Protein backbone atom coordinates (compact mmCIF):
# COMPACT_ATOMS: atom_id res chain seq x y z
CA MET A 1 -0.06 0.11 0.00
CA LYS A 2 1.36 3.64 -0.67
CA PRO A 3 1.23 6.11 1.84
CA LEU A 4 -1.59 8.18 2.23
CA MET A 5 0.25 11.40 2.38
CA PRO A 6 3.68 12.80 3.32
CA ALA A 7 4.21 13.57 6.84
CA PRO A 8 6.53 16.38 6.95
CA GLN A 9 7.12 17.35 10.47
CA ARG A 10 8.88 20.72 9.57
CA LEU A 11 5.26 21.73 8.16
CA ALA A 12 3.33 20.75 11.19
CA SER A 13 5.70 23.14 13.05
CA THR A 14 5.69 25.83 10.90
CA LEU A 15 1.70 25.87 11.06
CA ARG A 16 1.88 26.28 14.60
CA HIS A 17 2.97 30.03 14.04
CA PRO A 18 0.47 32.58 13.24
CA ILE A 19 2.79 34.69 11.28
CA ALA A 20 3.58 31.62 9.06
CA ALA A 21 -0.34 31.44 8.20
CA GLY A 22 -0.74 34.88 7.58
CA MET A 23 1.80 34.25 4.71
CA VAL A 24 0.10 31.49 3.55
CA GLY A 25 -3.03 33.59 3.25
CA VAL A 26 -0.85 35.95 1.35
CA LEU A 27 0.55 33.43 -0.74
CA VAL A 28 -3.08 32.01 -1.74
CA LEU A 29 -4.46 35.64 -2.54
CA LEU A 30 -1.35 36.27 -4.96
CA GLY A 31 -2.02 33.12 -6.30
CA ALA A 32 -5.66 33.51 -6.98
CA TRP A 33 -4.99 36.90 -8.33
CA GLY A 34 -2.49 35.66 -10.59
CA ALA A 35 -4.49 32.60 -11.80
CA LEU A 36 -7.35 35.13 -12.24
CA LEU A 37 -5.26 37.58 -14.52
CA SER A 38 -3.95 34.56 -16.41
CA MET A 39 -7.22 33.25 -16.61
CA LEU A 40 -8.63 36.48 -18.06
CA GLN A 41 -5.73 36.71 -20.57
CA TRP A 42 -6.39 33.30 -21.98
CA GLN A 43 -10.20 33.94 -22.16
CA HIS A 44 -9.36 37.30 -23.91
CA GLU A 45 -7.12 35.22 -26.55
CA GLU A 46 -9.67 32.52 -26.98
CA THR A 47 -12.39 34.90 -27.25
CA LEU A 48 -10.35 36.81 -29.91
CA LYS A 49 -9.71 33.69 -31.64
CA GLY A 50 -13.22 32.70 -31.67
CA GLU A 51 -14.21 36.19 -33.28
CA MET A 52 -11.38 35.42 -36.05
CA ARG A 53 -12.57 32.14 -36.93
CA HIS A 54 -16.13 33.23 -37.24
CA ALA A 55 -15.24 36.27 -39.62
CA THR A 56 -12.79 34.14 -41.62
CA ASN A 57 -15.48 31.35 -42.22
CA THR A 58 -17.81 34.14 -42.83
CA ALA A 59 -15.52 35.71 -45.50
CA THR A 60 -14.78 32.23 -46.98
CA ALA A 61 -18.55 31.72 -47.36
CA LEU A 62 -18.93 35.18 -48.95
CA LYS A 63 -16.05 34.29 -51.12
CA GLU A 64 -17.62 31.01 -52.42
CA HIS A 65 -20.35 33.31 -53.45
CA THR A 66 -18.44 35.75 -55.23
CA LEU A 67 -16.22 33.05 -56.50
CA ARG A 68 -19.42 31.36 -58.51
CA ILE A 69 -20.53 34.65 -59.84
CA LEU A 70 -17.07 35.58 -61.27
CA ASP A 71 -16.38 32.08 -62.95
CA ALA A 72 -19.81 32.26 -64.32
CA VAL A 73 -19.67 35.83 -65.89
CA ASP A 74 -15.92 35.36 -66.59
CA GLN A 75 -16.80 32.30 -68.96
CA ALA A 76 -19.39 34.07 -70.48
CA ALA A 77 -16.80 36.72 -71.51
CA THR A 78 -14.61 34.16 -72.55
CA ARG A 79 -17.03 32.66 -74.86
CA ILE A 80 -17.64 36.10 -76.34
CA GLN A 81 -13.88 36.43 -76.83
CA HIS A 82 -13.90 33.41 -78.54
CA ARG A 83 -16.84 34.26 -80.97
CA ALA A 84 -15.48 37.62 -81.72
CA ALA A 85 -12.18 36.12 -82.83
CA GLN A 86 -13.70 33.70 -84.91
CA GLY A 87 -15.94 35.99 -86.49
CA THR A 88 -19.18 34.74 -85.60
CA LEU A 89 -20.25 36.77 -82.73
CA THR A 90 -23.82 38.23 -83.62
CA PRO A 91 -26.03 40.41 -81.69
CA GLU A 92 -28.34 37.65 -81.01
CA SER A 93 -25.16 35.68 -79.28
CA LEU A 94 -24.82 38.54 -77.20
CA VAL A 95 -28.15 38.21 -75.65
CA ARG A 96 -28.18 34.45 -75.57
CA ILE A 97 -25.21 33.90 -73.80
CA ALA A 98 -25.81 36.51 -71.09
CA ASP A 99 -29.38 34.80 -70.78
CA GLU A 100 -27.61 31.69 -70.29
CA THR A 101 -25.56 32.24 -67.29
CA GLY A 102 -28.82 33.13 -65.19
CA MET A 103 -27.97 36.29 -64.01
CA ALA A 104 -28.74 38.80 -66.31
CA PRO A 105 -29.89 41.51 -65.99
CA HIS A 106 -29.91 41.66 -61.71
CA ILE A 107 -26.31 40.24 -61.16
CA LEU A 108 -24.50 40.50 -64.65
CA THR A 109 -26.15 43.94 -65.84
CA GLN A 110 -24.73 43.73 -69.09
CA LEU A 111 -22.11 41.81 -71.30
CA SER A 112 -21.09 43.99 -74.46
CA PHE A 113 -18.65 44.25 -76.99
CA VAL A 114 -16.52 47.17 -77.85
CA ASP A 115 -14.36 47.35 -81.06
CA ALA A 116 -10.61 48.03 -81.51
CA ASP A 117 -11.33 51.47 -81.87
CA GLY A 118 -13.05 51.98 -78.25
CA ILE A 119 -16.36 52.39 -79.91
CA PHE A 120 -19.35 50.28 -78.28
CA GLN A 121 -20.67 47.64 -80.90
CA GLY A 122 -23.75 45.92 -78.85
CA SER A 123 -24.66 44.22 -75.51
CA ASN A 124 -27.27 41.96 -74.41
CA LEU A 125 -29.53 45.51 -73.61
CA ASP A 126 -28.54 47.24 -76.72
CA PRO A 127 -27.66 43.98 -78.88
CA ASP A 128 -26.64 46.39 -82.26
CA GLY A 129 -25.73 49.45 -80.34
CA SER A 130 -28.59 51.57 -82.21
CA ARG A 131 -30.32 52.42 -79.08
CA SER A 132 -27.46 53.65 -77.61
CA LYS A 133 -25.78 55.29 -80.71
CA HIS A 134 -22.35 53.57 -80.25
CA PRO A 135 -20.62 55.61 -77.91
CA HIS A 136 -16.87 56.03 -77.77
CA LEU A 137 -15.44 54.35 -74.48
CA MET A 138 -11.60 54.42 -74.86
CA GLN A 139 -11.46 57.04 -72.00
CA ARG A 140 -12.66 54.21 -69.92
CA GLU A 141 -9.72 52.55 -68.04
CA HIS A 142 -11.05 49.13 -68.22
CA ILE A 143 -11.42 49.62 -72.01
CA ARG A 144 -8.16 51.56 -72.82
CA VAL A 145 -5.98 49.16 -70.53
CA HIS A 146 -6.36 46.66 -73.33
CA LEU A 147 -6.31 48.97 -76.49
CA ARG A 148 -3.96 51.56 -75.27
CA PRO A 149 -1.82 50.26 -72.55
CA GLN A 150 1.04 52.30 -73.39
CA SER A 151 -1.02 55.78 -72.15
CA THR A 152 -2.46 53.66 -69.04
CA PRO A 153 -0.57 53.39 -65.49
CA ARG A 154 0.35 49.82 -65.26
CA GLN A 155 -2.76 47.68 -64.02
CA PRO A 156 -2.73 44.67 -62.14
CA MET A 157 -4.44 41.81 -64.58
CA LYS A 158 -4.29 37.79 -64.02
CA ASN A 159 -4.73 35.74 -67.24
CA GLY A 160 -5.43 38.60 -69.22
CA LEU A 161 -8.47 39.55 -66.94
CA PHE A 162 -9.00 43.38 -65.79
CA ILE A 163 -11.33 44.31 -63.09
CA SER A 164 -12.07 47.71 -62.74
CA ALA A 165 -13.21 50.10 -60.11
CA PRO A 166 -17.02 50.60 -59.60
CA LEU A 167 -18.21 53.16 -62.00
CA VAL A 168 -21.71 53.90 -63.89
CA GLY A 169 -22.10 52.31 -67.18
CA LYS A 170 -23.00 54.72 -70.22
CA VAL A 171 -25.44 52.18 -71.74
CA SER A 172 -26.87 50.82 -68.39
CA GLY A 173 -26.72 53.72 -66.47
CA VAL A 174 -25.88 51.60 -63.44
CA ARG A 175 -23.02 51.55 -61.05
CA THR A 176 -21.13 48.28 -62.05
CA ILE A 177 -17.88 46.53 -61.50
CA GLN A 178 -16.33 45.63 -64.88
CA LEU A 179 -14.51 42.69 -65.91
CA THR A 180 -12.87 42.96 -69.63
CA ARG A 181 -10.75 40.86 -71.41
CA LYS A 182 -8.80 41.76 -74.81
CA ILE A 183 -9.77 40.23 -78.24
CA THR A 184 -7.49 39.16 -80.66
CA ASP A 185 -7.59 37.01 -84.12
CA ALA A 186 -5.53 34.12 -84.77
CA GLY A 187 -2.80 36.26 -86.09
CA GLY A 188 -2.64 38.39 -82.95
CA GLN A 189 -4.52 41.67 -84.23
CA THR A 190 -6.56 43.29 -81.78
CA LEU A 191 -10.26 42.90 -82.36
CA GLY A 192 -11.47 44.81 -79.48
CA VAL A 193 -12.26 44.33 -75.48
CA VAL A 194 -15.71 42.33 -74.08
CA VAL A 195 -16.82 43.51 -71.03
CA ALA A 196 -18.85 41.88 -68.38
CA SER A 197 -20.47 44.33 -66.20
CA LEU A 198 -21.55 42.98 -62.79
CA ASN A 199 -24.05 44.99 -60.73
CA GLN A 200 -22.48 46.13 -57.39
CA ARG A 201 -25.74 46.69 -55.87
CA HIS A 202 -26.15 42.45 -55.88
CA PHE A 203 -22.90 42.43 -53.58
CA ILE A 204 -23.94 45.37 -51.40
CA ASP A 205 -27.63 43.41 -51.19
CA VAL A 206 -25.69 40.09 -50.13
CA TYR A 207 -23.28 41.87 -47.63
CA ARG A 208 -26.15 43.70 -45.92
CA GLY A 209 -27.49 40.36 -44.80
CA VAL A 210 -24.47 39.95 -42.60
CA ASP A 211 -24.64 41.34 -39.14
CA PHE A 212 -21.24 42.13 -37.57
CA GLY A 213 -22.83 44.97 -35.42
CA SER A 214 -23.20 48.63 -35.65
CA ASP A 215 -19.38 48.90 -36.47
CA GLY A 216 -18.99 45.96 -38.33
CA GLY A 217 -18.95 45.33 -42.20
CA VAL A 218 -18.06 43.45 -45.26
CA LEU A 219 -16.00 44.46 -48.05
CA LEU A 220 -15.16 43.61 -51.36
CA VAL A 221 -11.72 44.59 -52.21
CA GLY A 222 -8.94 44.40 -54.69
CA LEU A 223 -5.44 43.68 -54.38
CA ASP A 224 -4.62 47.12 -55.84
CA GLY A 225 -6.44 48.20 -52.61
CA ILE A 226 -9.29 49.67 -54.53
CA ILE A 227 -12.81 48.86 -52.87
CA ARG A 228 -15.24 47.64 -55.08
CA ALA A 229 -18.18 47.17 -52.63
CA ARG A 230 -18.49 47.92 -48.92
CA VAL A 231 -21.21 47.58 -46.18
CA LEU A 232 -20.77 49.27 -42.73
CA ASP A 233 -23.92 48.74 -40.48
CA ARG A 234 -25.91 47.13 -43.32
CA GLU A 235 -25.58 50.44 -45.19
CA ALA A 236 -23.63 50.83 -48.36
CA ARG A 237 -20.81 53.81 -47.48
CA ASP A 238 -17.59 55.07 -47.19
CA ILE A 239 -16.64 53.05 -50.34
CA ASP A 240 -14.07 55.67 -51.34
CA GLN A 241 -12.25 55.27 -48.24
CA PRO A 242 -8.60 53.63 -48.68
CA LEU A 243 -8.14 50.15 -47.26
CA SER A 244 -5.69 50.15 -44.34
CA GLN A 245 -1.99 49.02 -45.20
CA ASP A 246 -2.15 46.40 -42.57
CA MET A 247 -5.34 45.00 -43.99
CA LEU A 248 -3.72 45.42 -47.59
CA ALA A 249 -0.45 43.71 -46.69
CA ALA A 250 -2.46 40.95 -45.17
CA ILE A 251 -4.54 39.86 -48.28
CA ARG A 252 -1.50 40.03 -50.51
CA ARG A 253 0.52 38.10 -48.01
CA GLN A 254 -1.90 34.96 -47.64
CA PRO A 255 -5.19 33.68 -49.20
CA VAL A 256 -7.20 33.39 -46.07
CA GLY A 257 -6.51 34.65 -42.30
CA ALA A 258 -7.86 36.98 -39.70
CA LEU A 259 -6.02 39.83 -38.29
CA GLN A 260 -6.73 42.76 -35.35
CA ALA A 261 -5.95 46.20 -37.08
CA LEU A 262 -6.99 49.88 -37.55
CA SER A 263 -9.12 50.60 -40.27
CA ALA A 264 -9.16 53.80 -42.48
CA ASP A 265 -12.09 55.20 -40.09
CA GLY A 266 -9.72 55.09 -37.03
CA LEU A 267 -11.74 52.13 -35.63
CA GLU A 268 -9.80 48.82 -34.40
CA ARG A 269 -11.67 45.81 -35.99
CA ILE A 270 -11.26 42.34 -36.20
CA VAL A 271 -11.24 41.08 -39.90
CA GLY A 272 -11.25 37.75 -41.31
CA PHE A 273 -10.59 37.80 -45.17
CA SER A 274 -10.58 35.28 -47.87
CA ARG A 275 -8.88 35.59 -51.30
CA VAL A 276 -11.55 35.21 -54.39
CA GLY A 277 -9.65 32.33 -56.18
CA ASP A 278 -7.59 33.22 -58.81
CA TYR A 279 -8.96 36.57 -58.99
CA ASP A 280 -7.46 39.71 -57.71
CA LEU A 281 -9.77 40.40 -55.16
CA ALA A 282 -10.63 39.44 -51.48
CA VAL A 283 -13.80 39.41 -49.35
CA LEU A 284 -13.06 41.08 -46.00
CA CYS A 285 -15.51 41.37 -43.22
CA GLY A 286 -15.86 41.40 -39.15
CA PRO A 287 -16.74 43.34 -36.02
CA SER A 288 -14.95 46.37 -34.10
CA SER A 289 -12.81 45.00 -31.54
CA ALA A 290 -14.94 46.84 -28.76
CA GLN A 291 -18.13 45.20 -29.88
CA ALA A 292 -16.74 41.54 -30.61
CA LEU A 293 -14.75 41.68 -27.20
CA ALA A 294 -18.20 43.52 -25.14
CA SER A 295 -19.09 40.06 -23.55
CA TRP A 296 -15.65 39.49 -22.34
CA SER A 297 -15.48 42.99 -20.87
CA ALA A 298 -18.32 42.82 -19.14
CA MET A 299 -17.56 39.36 -17.82
CA ARG A 300 -13.70 40.66 -16.82
CA ASP A 301 -15.56 43.53 -14.62
CA THR A 302 -17.66 41.08 -12.72
CA VAL A 303 -15.19 38.37 -12.36
CA LEU A 304 -12.79 41.64 -10.61
CA GLN A 305 -15.75 42.49 -8.34
CA PHE A 306 -16.03 38.84 -7.44
CA THR A 307 -12.43 38.24 -7.01
CA LEU A 308 -12.41 41.77 -4.44
CA VAL A 309 -14.97 39.98 -2.32
CA LEU A 310 -13.27 36.93 -2.45
CA SER A 311 -10.22 38.30 -1.34
CA ALA A 312 -11.82 39.98 1.69
CA ALA A 313 -13.23 36.39 2.58
CA VAL A 314 -10.11 34.80 2.44
CA VAL A 315 -8.37 37.18 4.79
CA LEU A 316 -11.27 36.22 7.14
CA PHE A 317 -10.64 32.73 6.44
CA VAL A 318 -7.36 32.93 7.39
CA LEU A 319 -7.78 34.53 10.64
CA ALA A 320 -10.42 31.41 11.45
CA PHE A 321 -7.42 29.15 9.97
CA ILE A 322 -5.06 30.42 12.56
CA LEU A 323 -7.51 29.18 15.12
CA SER A 324 -7.96 25.71 13.87
CA ILE A 325 -4.10 25.09 13.18
CA ARG A 326 -3.73 22.78 16.72
CA ARG A 327 -6.86 21.03 15.76
CA LEU A 328 -5.30 20.15 12.18
CA THR A 329 -1.99 19.30 13.94
CA ARG A 330 -3.79 16.50 15.84
CA SER A 331 -5.85 15.30 13.15
CA HIS A 332 -2.31 14.98 11.17
CA ASP A 333 -0.78 13.02 13.64
CA ALA A 334 -3.76 10.69 14.17
CA LEU A 335 -3.61 10.26 10.13
CA THR A 336 -0.05 9.44 10.34
CA ARG A 337 -0.90 6.80 12.95
CA SER A 338 -3.57 5.04 11.19
CA GLU A 339 -1.53 4.93 8.24
CA ALA A 340 1.37 3.01 9.63
CA LYS A 341 -1.42 0.87 11.05
CA ALA A 342 -2.71 0.36 7.52
CA ASN A 343 0.69 -0.51 6.15
CA MET A 344 1.32 -3.35 8.68
CA ALA A 345 -2.34 -4.80 7.82
CA ASN A 346 -1.34 -4.91 4.14
CA GLN A 347 1.86 -6.51 5.10
CA ALA A 348 -0.01 -9.11 7.33
CA LYS A 349 -2.06 -9.70 4.26
CA SER A 350 0.44 -10.52 1.81
CA GLU A 351 2.11 -12.43 4.55
CA PHE A 352 -1.20 -14.48 5.36
CA LEU A 353 -1.89 -15.24 1.73
CA ALA A 354 1.45 -16.55 1.07
CA ALA A 355 1.29 -18.74 4.40
CA MET A 356 -2.31 -19.78 3.55
CA SER A 357 -1.07 -20.94 -0.23
CA HIS A 358 1.93 -22.89 1.17
CA GLU A 359 -0.49 -24.67 3.96
CA LEU A 360 -3.36 -25.58 1.43
CA ARG A 361 -0.77 -27.04 -1.02
CA THR A 362 -0.12 -30.16 1.03
CA PRO A 363 -3.75 -31.41 1.64
CA LEU A 364 -4.58 -30.46 -1.92
CA THR A 365 -1.82 -32.56 -3.45
CA SER A 366 -2.94 -35.57 -1.54
CA ILE A 367 -6.74 -35.25 -2.69
CA ARG A 368 -5.39 -34.61 -6.25
CA GLY A 369 -3.01 -37.53 -6.23
CA PHE A 370 -5.73 -39.67 -4.57
CA ALA A 371 -8.35 -38.76 -6.99
CA GLU A 372 -5.83 -39.38 -9.95
CA LEU A 373 -5.20 -42.61 -8.51
CA MET A 374 -8.85 -43.66 -8.04
CA GLU A 375 -9.46 -42.64 -11.59
CA LEU A 376 -6.57 -44.72 -13.08
CA ARG A 377 -7.04 -47.85 -11.13
CA SER A 378 -10.96 -47.95 -10.37
CA LYS A 379 -13.04 -50.21 -12.83
CA ASP A 380 -16.61 -48.59 -11.97
CA PRO A 381 -17.19 -45.71 -14.85
CA LEU A 382 -18.85 -43.74 -12.16
CA VAL A 383 -16.23 -43.77 -9.72
CA ARG A 384 -13.64 -42.89 -12.52
CA GLU A 385 -15.91 -39.82 -13.38
CA GLN A 386 -16.18 -38.58 -9.98
CA SER A 387 -12.44 -39.32 -9.46
CA ALA A 388 -12.11 -36.97 -12.60
CA HIS A 389 -14.24 -34.12 -11.30
CA ILE A 390 -12.14 -34.19 -7.94
CA ARG A 391 -8.98 -34.06 -9.81
CA GLN A 392 -10.12 -31.57 -12.01
CA GLY A 393 -11.19 -29.21 -9.31
CA ALA A 394 -8.07 -30.24 -7.39
CA GLU A 395 -6.04 -28.81 -10.27
CA HIS A 396 -8.00 -25.76 -10.71
CA LEU A 397 -7.66 -24.84 -6.84
CA GLY A 398 -4.01 -25.76 -7.33
CA THR A 399 -3.65 -23.05 -10.17
CA LEU A 400 -5.58 -20.40 -8.45
CA LEU A 401 -3.34 -20.97 -5.23
CA ASN A 402 -0.13 -20.60 -7.57
CA GLU A 403 -1.61 -17.52 -8.82
CA VAL A 404 -2.44 -15.93 -5.15
CA LEU A 405 0.97 -17.21 -4.46
CA ASP A 406 2.75 -15.63 -7.49
CA LEU A 407 0.71 -12.36 -6.89
CA ALA A 408 1.80 -11.98 -3.38
CA LYS A 409 5.51 -12.80 -3.98
CA ILE A 410 5.21 -10.06 -6.91
CA GLU A 411 3.73 -7.58 -4.49
CA ALA A 412 6.47 -8.73 -1.61
CA GLY A 413 9.15 -7.89 -4.11
CA ALA A 414 10.10 -11.91 -3.58
CA MET A 415 9.81 -13.08 -7.06
CA GLN A 416 12.97 -12.80 -9.53
CA ALA A 417 13.34 -13.76 -12.96
CA HIS A 418 16.09 -16.36 -13.76
CA THR A 419 17.14 -16.03 -17.64
CA GLU A 420 18.42 -18.49 -19.65
CA ALA A 421 18.67 -19.18 -23.29
CA VAL A 422 15.47 -20.16 -24.45
CA ARG A 423 14.34 -21.28 -28.07
CA PRO A 424 11.02 -19.28 -28.59
CA HIS A 425 9.72 -21.33 -31.36
CA ALA A 426 10.01 -24.59 -29.21
CA VAL A 427 8.45 -22.71 -26.17
CA ALA A 428 5.50 -22.04 -28.45
CA HIS A 429 4.92 -25.20 -29.69
CA GLU A 430 5.23 -26.94 -26.21
CA VAL A 431 2.50 -24.66 -25.01
CA ALA A 432 0.49 -25.25 -27.92
CA ASP A 433 0.72 -28.87 -27.67
CA LEU A 434 -0.92 -28.33 -23.75
CA PHE A 435 -4.06 -27.07 -25.20
CA ARG A 436 -4.59 -29.01 -28.22
CA VAL A 437 -7.11 -31.47 -26.45
CA SER A 438 -9.01 -28.27 -24.98
CA ALA A 439 -9.15 -26.93 -28.63
CA LEU A 440 -10.25 -30.42 -30.01
CA ALA A 441 -12.78 -30.65 -27.77
CA LYS A 442 -14.35 -27.52 -28.54
CA ALA A 443 -13.98 -28.37 -32.26
CA LEU A 444 -11.68 -25.29 -32.68
CA SER A 445 -8.67 -24.80 -34.79
CA LEU A 446 -5.35 -24.24 -32.96
CA THR A 447 -2.33 -22.91 -35.18
CA VAL A 448 1.10 -21.93 -34.27
CA THR A 449 3.26 -19.65 -36.47
CA ILE A 450 6.72 -18.66 -36.29
CA ASP A 451 8.05 -15.78 -38.57
CA PRO A 452 11.47 -16.75 -40.33
CA ALA A 453 13.10 -13.45 -38.87
CA THR A 454 12.39 -14.35 -35.13
CA PRO A 455 15.70 -15.31 -33.01
CA ALA A 456 16.54 -18.89 -32.62
CA MET A 457 17.14 -18.13 -28.95
CA LEU A 458 16.70 -15.32 -26.61
CA GLN A 459 17.47 -14.56 -23.09
CA THR A 460 14.61 -14.80 -20.75
CA ASP A 461 12.82 -16.79 -18.05
CA ARG A 462 11.56 -19.86 -19.66
CA LEU A 463 9.00 -20.92 -16.83
CA LYS A 464 7.74 -17.28 -16.65
CA LEU A 465 7.26 -17.22 -20.44
CA LYS A 466 5.02 -20.28 -20.40
CA GLN A 467 3.14 -19.55 -17.66
CA VAL A 468 2.13 -16.17 -19.54
CA LEU A 469 1.53 -17.73 -22.77
CA SER A 470 -0.35 -20.69 -21.13
CA ASN A 471 -2.68 -18.30 -19.26
CA LEU A 472 -3.55 -16.40 -22.80
CA LEU A 473 -4.15 -19.57 -24.35
CA SER A 474 -6.13 -20.81 -21.73
CA ASN A 475 -8.47 -17.63 -22.03
CA ALA A 476 -8.61 -17.90 -25.65
CA ILE A 477 -9.82 -21.50 -25.85
CA LYS A 478 -12.14 -20.68 -22.72
CA PHE A 479 -13.99 -17.87 -24.26
CA THR A 480 -14.10 -18.95 -27.86
CA ALA A 481 -17.37 -20.95 -28.86
CA THR A 482 -16.64 -21.64 -32.45
CA GLY A 483 -13.77 -20.75 -34.81
CA ALA A 484 -10.08 -20.71 -34.06
CA VAL A 485 -7.38 -19.69 -31.81
CA ALA A 486 -3.84 -18.73 -32.92
CA LEU A 487 -0.11 -18.34 -31.59
CA SER A 488 2.14 -16.30 -33.60
CA VAL A 489 5.54 -15.44 -32.98
CA ALA A 490 7.60 -12.56 -34.96
CA PRO A 491 9.77 -9.88 -34.18
CA SER A 492 8.46 -6.42 -33.66
CA ASP A 493 9.10 -3.48 -36.35
CA GLU A 494 11.45 -1.93 -34.60
CA GLY A 495 13.62 -5.00 -33.83
CA GLY A 496 13.64 -4.48 -30.00
CA HIS A 497 11.28 -7.43 -28.78
CA VAL A 498 9.90 -10.90 -29.82
CA LEU A 499 5.85 -10.57 -30.20
CA PHE A 500 3.82 -13.76 -28.99
CA LYS A 501 0.16 -12.85 -30.16
CA VAL A 502 -2.50 -14.87 -28.92
CA SER A 503 -5.96 -14.22 -31.51
CA ASP A 504 -9.18 -15.59 -31.12
CA THR A 505 -12.42 -15.61 -32.86
CA GLY A 506 -14.30 -15.33 -29.66
CA PRO A 507 -17.18 -12.59 -28.64
CA GLY A 508 -14.45 -9.72 -28.23
CA ILE A 509 -13.99 -7.09 -25.67
CA ASP A 510 -15.22 -3.69 -25.12
CA PRO A 511 -12.66 -1.10 -25.61
CA ALA A 512 -13.79 0.70 -22.54
CA GLN A 513 -13.01 -2.58 -20.65
CA HIS A 514 -9.36 -2.97 -21.96
CA ALA A 515 -7.85 -1.50 -18.89
CA LEU A 516 -10.50 -3.44 -16.37
CA ILE A 517 -9.35 -6.51 -17.56
CA PHE A 518 -5.94 -6.50 -16.32
CA GLU A 519 -6.88 -5.59 -12.79
CA LYS A 520 -6.73 -8.21 -9.97
CA PHE A 521 -10.29 -9.81 -9.37
CA ARG A 522 -11.73 -8.18 -12.10
CA GLN A 523 -13.33 -9.26 -15.50
CA ALA A 524 -14.85 -7.70 -18.37
CA ASP A 525 -18.51 -7.99 -16.76
CA ALA A 526 -20.09 -10.31 -14.50
CA ARG A 527 -21.89 -12.15 -17.08
CA VAL A 528 -18.11 -13.64 -18.09
CA SER A 529 -17.70 -14.52 -14.36
CA TYR A 530 -20.98 -16.62 -14.50
CA GLN A 531 -20.55 -18.35 -17.74
CA HIS A 532 -17.00 -19.08 -17.78
CA GLY A 533 -15.99 -18.68 -14.17
CA GLY A 534 -12.66 -17.56 -13.18
CA THR A 535 -11.41 -15.16 -10.50
CA GLY A 536 -9.90 -12.57 -12.60
CA LEU A 537 -6.43 -13.12 -11.59
CA GLY A 538 -5.06 -14.59 -14.95
CA LEU A 539 -4.40 -11.69 -16.99
CA ALA A 540 -3.19 -9.57 -13.67
CA LEU A 541 -0.32 -12.37 -13.01
CA SER A 542 0.38 -12.43 -16.42
CA ARG A 543 0.69 -8.48 -16.68
CA GLU A 544 3.26 -8.65 -13.43
CA LEU A 545 5.11 -11.57 -14.96
CA ALA A 546 5.20 -9.66 -18.47
CA GLY A 547 7.02 -6.67 -16.20
CA LEU A 548 9.08 -8.80 -14.39
CA LEU A 549 10.66 -10.20 -17.57
CA GLY A 550 10.83 -6.70 -18.76
CA GLY A 551 8.23 -6.95 -21.54
CA THR A 552 4.57 -5.78 -21.54
CA ILE A 553 1.07 -7.13 -22.69
CA SER A 554 -1.59 -5.40 -24.48
CA VAL A 555 -5.04 -6.27 -26.09
CA GLU A 556 -6.43 -5.16 -29.43
CA SER A 557 -10.33 -6.31 -29.56
CA ALA A 558 -13.85 -5.10 -30.13
CA PRO A 559 -17.29 -6.44 -29.31
CA GLY A 560 -17.81 -9.14 -32.11
CA LYS A 561 -14.63 -9.03 -33.71
CA GLY A 562 -12.58 -11.38 -31.69
CA ALA A 563 -9.26 -10.63 -29.47
CA THR A 564 -5.85 -10.16 -30.10
CA PHE A 565 -3.30 -10.25 -26.83
CA THR A 566 0.37 -9.19 -27.58
CA PHE A 567 3.02 -10.43 -25.29
CA ALA A 568 6.22 -8.33 -26.08
CA VAL A 569 9.59 -9.86 -24.62
CA PRO A 570 12.85 -8.02 -25.29
CA TRP A 571 15.43 -9.42 -27.50
CA ASP A 572 18.30 -7.24 -26.85
CA ARG A 573 20.64 -10.11 -26.08
CA ALA A 574 18.78 -12.52 -28.87
CA LEU A 575 21.06 -14.62 -30.89
CA HIS A 576 20.31 -15.11 -34.54
CA PRO A 577 17.00 -15.59 -36.31
CA ALA A 578 15.46 -18.93 -36.78
CA PRO A 579 16.33 -20.49 -40.20
CA GLN A 580 12.46 -21.11 -41.36
CA ALA A 581 8.94 -20.32 -40.53
CA ALA A 582 7.02 -23.33 -38.89
CA THR A 583 3.28 -23.28 -39.06
CA THR A 584 1.30 -26.33 -37.46
CA ALA A 585 -2.31 -26.76 -36.79
CA ALA A 586 -5.09 -28.87 -35.11
CA ALA A 587 -8.67 -28.78 -36.13
């Protein structure tokens, strides 16, 4: 039995002094305040992380929506580009391709073609350009960047696609975001520009559905820092304000993430962002830091007030504690005496079990001997049968006594391992042969498999090795109604142990019971003890013996899938591998 508690005499002596008790109170208060501040800091960090995750997840969801729109619209623009390059673009195809996106006119406001001179030729809103009278669009940046790049400041384009800042369309009269691609023929000559105009209002309406509080919002911004759509407090505003440099650097640095930074309006916000696929756009969203951390701030104030009250209570407690020090010291002394008595009782129990086992062996041996003699010599079948029952009962009781005695020796530290050169394949076959009759009686297949890489010899305690394997095979046959029991011997993957594995096709063991079955006097459940008998000592003893040999026992099992017990024996001093594999079987 382990000591119930340490008995430091200096502590008992120190606690007799009120000054020491007062110091303990001070330490308690300091510890409480330190723990409180650490907890508040941890909760602040966790709240911040949670808000960042929420903002990032929302930005990612909005990004997916935006990406689907851009992909569909860009695909339509690419179709126009190909038709124009092949000379098959007609006013009707402009209308048809726009309609096939399913987004015209509320999302895709206009899909248009502008010729190489920057003149509007037609769109799904004005197929032949007659209604708008073919306006000249060369002054528009999204046209000039393709047709007059030398007169336009260098603009970011990816894969030939340019995304403009929001502007009011000359034909549609709607504030839109332009996606443009240059059209060239097979010889590389410029034919014009295809323009897909996305309605900015659609993104604003979608972003209004996201509630991040009165100071929170959602932005669609380019990697050039230009804001394409912005909603704050569910209202479209401040679109002309620039994006803060911290946020711009973040979206350029990584495709998805979150940060806490000052916005252009001077408010600190928790912002999650996600770049829109391969497009030079990103969705940013999040609340202000003050609103996101409001619940944490309220909790902090409440906890601090409570801790102040608690500190006053601790001071009163210390005063009361000083008065109870003497009583605590007396209780401590009494507990020490009780602990000593408990240790003595435990030692007496171990000695009694050992003595009882020895005393019972002599009459038990006589009973077994006479029963075996009667079984062999009597001519009366009934007498032989009854003698066999007596002999079997005596053998079973002898096994239990040996297990109790071995456990007592192990607890007392009196059992030692006597190592010798052992042939693992020979031991495996010897142990299996002991159980072939039992397996045959239940119509079970019993096989032994030796891996060729298994060492021919290893240094261990032969008797204890056989005892562990016998316990494992006995359990496997006992709990297996039909099927097979297998004993395999192989080196471990890392080469440090020889693995003896006993597998069966029995009912299996619930993973929740795996640790329980190795405890003394414990089985998986009461039903097992009722159906199969046993005291629950076999696996407990096997685990102790395995530890004595420097090895381990583990189990892999699940209900209805059988069980595999693995006994790992160290082979640091093992000799050369066995020459060949050997497998035997008995039905």
